[in-house]
Amino acid sequence: MSFWAGRSVLVTGGAGFGGAHLCEQLLAHGADVAVLDRLLPPDSYLHAAHLHDKIHFIAGDIRDTETLKLLFQRFEFDTVFHTAAQ
């Protein structure tokens, strides 16, 4: 059994190249994956790899403190991977 099986994970910037590949690996190991990103473009790897329907996508910006407060009040994450950057 994988360490990640059943764990709730948030990936910020998960629609980007690196974040999407991280999501793919987490899903393969049984994690429950949520993605916080501004957009989920149709050409994202999440769509290309048919992963978009296996994640919980939350539209938002990590610079918006109110969004972050609501996110962490509403969901309980075991782990957060921060891959969002400009």
N, C-alpha and C. Protein backbone atom coordinates (compact mmCIF):
# COMPACT_ATOMS: atom_id res chain seq x y z
N MET A 1 0.85 -1.19 0.00
CA MET A 1 0.00 0.00 0.00
C MET A 1 0.89 1.24 0.00
N SER A 2 0.51 2.22 -0.77
CA SER A 2 1.27 3.45 -0.91
C SER A 2 1.03 4.39 0.28
N PHE A 3 2.05 5.14 0.63
CA PHE A 3 1.95 6.17 1.66
C PHE A 3 0.84 7.17 1.31
N TRP A 4 0.65 7.46 0.02
CA TRP A 4 -0.29 8.48 -0.42
C TRP A 4 -1.73 7.99 -0.49
N ALA A 5 -1.96 6.70 -0.43
CA ALA A 5 -3.31 6.16 -0.57
C ALA A 5 -4.25 6.76 0.47
N GLY A 6 -5.32 7.39 -0.03
CA GLY A 6 -6.33 7.97 0.85
C GLY A 6 -5.97 9.31 1.45
N ARG A 7 -4.78 9.81 1.19
CA ARG A 7 -4.38 11.11 1.75
C ARG A 7 -4.94 12.24 0.90
N SER A 8 -5.34 13.31 1.55
CA SER A 8 -5.87 14.48 0.88
C SER A 8 -4.71 15.46 0.61
N VAL A 9 -4.54 15.78 -0.67
CA VAL A 9 -3.39 16.59 -1.08
C VAL A 9 -3.87 17.79 -1.89
N LEU A 10 -3.33 18.96 -1.58
CA LEU A 10 -3.56 20.17 -2.37
C LEU A 10 -2.30 20.47 -3.16
N VAL A 11 -2.47 20.71 -4.47
CA VAL A 11 -1.35 21.11 -5.33
C VAL A 11 -1.68 22.50 -5.86
N THR A 12 -0.95 23.51 -5.39
CA THR A 12 -1.14 24.85 -5.94
C THR A 12 -0.42 24.89 -7.28
N GLY A 13 -1.03 25.53 -8.27
CA GLY A 13 -0.43 25.57 -9.59
C GLY A 13 -0.49 24.21 -10.29
N GLY A 14 -1.44 23.39 -9.90
CA GLY A 14 -1.52 22.04 -10.42
C GLY A 14 -1.91 21.93 -11.88
N ALA A 15 -2.35 23.00 -12.50
CA ALA A 15 -2.69 22.96 -13.92
C ALA A 15 -1.47 23.22 -14.79
N GLY A 16 -0.38 23.65 -14.19
CA GLY A 16 0.86 23.89 -14.94
C GLY A 16 1.58 22.59 -15.23
N PHE A 17 2.65 22.68 -15.99
CA PHE A 17 3.38 21.49 -16.45
C PHE A 17 3.87 20.63 -15.28
N GLY A 18 4.63 21.21 -14.38
CA GLY A 18 5.17 20.44 -13.26
C GLY A 18 4.10 19.99 -12.29
N GLY A 19 3.19 20.88 -11.96
CA GLY A 19 2.12 20.54 -11.03
C GLY A 19 1.21 19.44 -11.55
N ALA A 20 0.91 19.46 -12.84
CA ALA A 20 0.05 18.44 -13.43
C ALA A 20 0.71 17.06 -13.40
N HIS A 21 2.00 17.02 -13.65
CA HIS A 21 2.71 15.74 -13.59
C HIS A 21 2.79 15.23 -12.14
N LEU A 22 2.93 16.14 -11.19
CA LEU A 22 2.89 15.75 -9.78
C LEU A 22 1.52 15.17 -9.45
N CYS A 23 0.46 15.83 -9.91
CA CYS A 23 -0.90 15.32 -9.69
C CYS A 23 -1.05 13.91 -10.25
N GLU A 24 -0.51 13.69 -11.43
CA GLU A 24 -0.60 12.37 -12.06
C GLU A 24 0.02 11.29 -11.17
N GLN A 25 1.18 11.59 -10.61
CA GLN A 25 1.86 10.62 -9.76
C GLN A 25 1.10 10.41 -8.44
N LEU A 26 0.59 11.48 -7.87
CA LEU A 26 -0.19 11.36 -6.63
C LEU A 26 -1.44 10.53 -6.84
N LEU A 27 -2.13 10.77 -7.95
CA LEU A 27 -3.32 9.99 -8.26
C LEU A 27 -2.97 8.52 -8.47
N ALA A 28 -1.86 8.26 -9.13
CA ALA A 28 -1.43 6.88 -9.37
C ALA A 28 -1.14 6.14 -8.07
N HIS A 29 -0.79 6.91 -7.03
CA HIS A 29 -0.48 6.30 -5.73
C HIS A 29 -1.67 6.37 -4.77
N GLY A 30 -2.86 6.76 -5.29
CA GLY A 30 -4.08 6.68 -4.49
C GLY A 30 -4.46 7.91 -3.70
N ALA A 31 -3.80 9.03 -3.94
CA ALA A 31 -4.14 10.26 -3.21
C ALA A 31 -5.42 10.87 -3.73
N ASP A 32 -6.10 11.61 -2.88
CA ASP A 32 -7.25 12.43 -3.25
C ASP A 32 -6.69 13.82 -3.51
N VAL A 33 -6.69 14.25 -4.78
CA VAL A 33 -5.95 15.44 -5.19
C VAL A 33 -6.89 16.60 -5.49
N ALA A 34 -6.57 17.75 -4.89
CA ALA A 34 -7.23 19.01 -5.20
C ALA A 34 -6.19 19.94 -5.81
N VAL A 35 -6.62 20.72 -6.79
CA VAL A 35 -5.73 21.66 -7.46
C VAL A 35 -6.29 23.07 -7.27
N LEU A 36 -5.42 23.98 -6.83
CA LEU A 36 -5.77 25.39 -6.77
C LEU A 36 -4.97 26.09 -7.86
N ASP A 37 -5.67 26.66 -8.82
CA ASP A 37 -5.01 27.36 -9.92
C ASP A 37 -5.98 28.40 -10.46
N ARG A 38 -5.43 29.40 -11.14
CA ARG A 38 -6.29 30.44 -11.70
C ARG A 38 -7.13 29.90 -12.85
N LEU A 39 -6.56 29.01 -13.65
CA LEU A 39 -7.23 28.47 -14.83
C LEU A 39 -6.95 26.98 -14.97
N LEU A 40 -7.83 26.31 -15.68
CA LEU A 40 -7.58 24.94 -16.11
C LEU A 40 -7.73 24.94 -17.63
N PRO A 41 -6.65 25.34 -18.33
CA PRO A 41 -6.74 25.47 -19.79
C PRO A 41 -7.02 24.13 -20.46
N PRO A 42 -7.74 24.17 -21.59
CA PRO A 42 -8.05 22.92 -22.30
C PRO A 42 -6.81 22.20 -22.82
N ASP A 43 -5.68 22.91 -22.94
CA ASP A 43 -4.45 22.26 -23.40
C ASP A 43 -3.54 21.86 -22.23
N SER A 44 -4.06 21.92 -21.02
CA SER A 44 -3.29 21.49 -19.85
C SER A 44 -3.03 19.99 -19.91
N TYR A 45 -1.92 19.58 -19.34
CA TYR A 45 -1.60 18.15 -19.26
C TYR A 45 -2.68 17.40 -18.50
N LEU A 46 -3.36 18.06 -17.57
CA LEU A 46 -4.44 17.40 -16.83
C LEU A 46 -5.53 16.94 -17.80
N HIS A 47 -5.81 17.73 -18.84
CA HIS A 47 -6.78 17.32 -19.85
C HIS A 47 -6.18 16.28 -20.79
N ALA A 48 -4.96 16.52 -21.25
CA ALA A 48 -4.32 15.61 -22.20
C ALA A 48 -4.20 14.19 -21.63
N ALA A 49 -3.94 14.09 -20.34
CA ALA A 49 -3.77 12.78 -19.70
C ALA A 49 -5.09 12.27 -19.09
N HIS A 50 -6.19 12.97 -19.35
CA HIS A 50 -7.52 12.60 -18.85
C HIS A 50 -7.55 12.51 -17.32
N LEU A 51 -6.89 13.47 -16.69
CA LEU A 51 -6.85 13.53 -15.22
C LEU A 51 -7.80 14.57 -14.65
N HIS A 52 -8.29 15.47 -15.50
CA HIS A 52 -9.12 16.58 -15.02
C HIS A 52 -10.38 16.11 -14.31
N ASP A 53 -10.87 14.92 -14.67
CA ASP A 53 -12.08 14.42 -14.01
C ASP A 53 -11.76 13.58 -12.77
N LYS A 54 -10.47 13.47 -12.44
CA LYS A 54 -10.05 12.71 -11.26
C LYS A 54 -9.55 13.61 -10.12
N ILE A 55 -9.52 14.90 -10.38
CA ILE A 55 -9.06 15.87 -9.38
C ILE A 55 -10.23 16.76 -8.97
N HIS A 56 -10.03 17.49 -7.89
CA HIS A 56 -10.97 18.53 -7.48
C HIS A 56 -10.31 19.85 -7.87
N PHE A 57 -10.86 20.54 -8.85
CA PHE A 57 -10.27 21.80 -9.29
C PHE A 57 -10.92 22.96 -8.57
N ILE A 58 -10.09 23.83 -7.99
CA ILE A 58 -10.57 25.02 -7.30
C ILE A 58 -9.96 26.21 -8.03
N ALA A 59 -10.81 27.03 -8.64
CA ALA A 59 -10.34 28.22 -9.35
C ALA A 59 -10.04 29.30 -8.33
N GLY A 60 -8.80 29.77 -8.34
CA GLY A 60 -8.42 30.82 -7.41
C GLY A 60 -6.95 31.16 -7.55
N ASP A 61 -6.59 32.25 -6.90
CA ASP A 61 -5.23 32.77 -6.95
C ASP A 61 -4.60 32.66 -5.56
N ILE A 62 -3.40 32.11 -5.49
CA ILE A 62 -2.75 31.94 -4.18
C ILE A 62 -2.43 33.27 -3.52
N ARG A 63 -2.47 34.35 -4.28
CA ARG A 63 -2.20 35.68 -3.70
C ARG A 63 -3.42 36.26 -3.01
N ASP A 64 -4.57 35.61 -3.15
CA ASP A 64 -5.83 36.08 -2.55
C ASP A 64 -6.00 35.41 -1.19
N THR A 65 -5.69 36.14 -0.14
CA THR A 65 -5.72 35.55 1.20
C THR A 65 -7.12 35.10 1.62
N GLU A 66 -8.16 35.77 1.16
CA GLU A 66 -9.53 35.35 1.50
C GLU A 66 -9.85 34.00 0.88
N THR A 67 -9.42 33.80 -0.35
CA THR A 67 -9.62 32.50 -1.00
C THR A 67 -8.91 31.41 -0.22
N LEU A 68 -7.68 31.68 0.19
CA LEU A 68 -6.91 30.69 0.96
C LEU A 68 -7.56 30.39 2.30
N LYS A 69 -8.04 31.41 2.98
CA LYS A 69 -8.72 31.20 4.26
C LYS A 69 -9.93 30.30 4.09
N LEU A 70 -10.76 30.61 3.10
CA LEU A 70 -11.96 29.80 2.85
C LEU A 70 -11.60 28.38 2.46
N LEU A 71 -10.57 28.24 1.64
CA LEU A 71 -10.14 26.91 1.20
C LEU A 71 -9.74 26.04 2.39
N PHE A 72 -8.94 26.61 3.29
CA PHE A 72 -8.46 25.82 4.43
C PHE A 72 -9.50 25.68 5.53
N GLN A 73 -10.52 26.51 5.53
CA GLN A 73 -11.64 26.32 6.46
C GLN A 73 -12.55 25.20 5.96
N ARG A 74 -12.69 25.11 4.65
CA ARG A 74 -13.62 24.16 4.06
C ARG A 74 -13.04 22.76 3.89
N PHE A 75 -11.74 22.68 3.61
CA PHE A 75 -11.10 21.39 3.34
C PHE A 75 -9.98 21.13 4.33
N GLU A 76 -9.77 19.86 4.60
CA GLU A 76 -8.67 19.46 5.47
C GLU A 76 -7.67 18.67 4.62
N PHE A 77 -6.49 19.24 4.42
CA PHE A 77 -5.46 18.61 3.60
C PHE A 77 -4.38 18.01 4.49
N ASP A 78 -3.93 16.82 4.11
CA ASP A 78 -2.81 16.19 4.80
C ASP A 78 -1.49 16.80 4.35
N THR A 79 -1.43 17.19 3.08
CA THR A 79 -0.19 17.70 2.49
C THR A 79 -0.51 18.78 1.47
N VAL A 80 0.36 19.79 1.39
CA VAL A 80 0.23 20.84 0.36
C VAL A 80 1.55 20.89 -0.39
N PHE A 81 1.44 20.80 -1.72
CA PHE A 81 2.60 21.01 -2.60
C PHE A 81 2.40 22.35 -3.29
N HIS A 82 3.35 23.24 -3.12
CA HIS A 82 3.25 24.58 -3.70
C HIS A 82 4.08 24.63 -4.99
N THR A 83 3.39 24.56 -6.13
CA THR A 83 4.07 24.64 -7.42
C THR A 83 3.62 25.86 -8.22
N ALA A 84 2.82 26.72 -7.61
CA ALA A 84 2.35 27.92 -8.29
C ALA A 84 3.43 29.00 -8.28
N ALA A 85 3.73 29.53 -9.44
CA ALA A 85 4.74 30.60 -9.53
C ALA A 85 4.60 31.30 -10.87
N GLN A 86 5.09 32.48 -10.92
CA GLN A 86 5.16 33.22 -12.19
C GLN A 86 6.57 33.16 -12.69
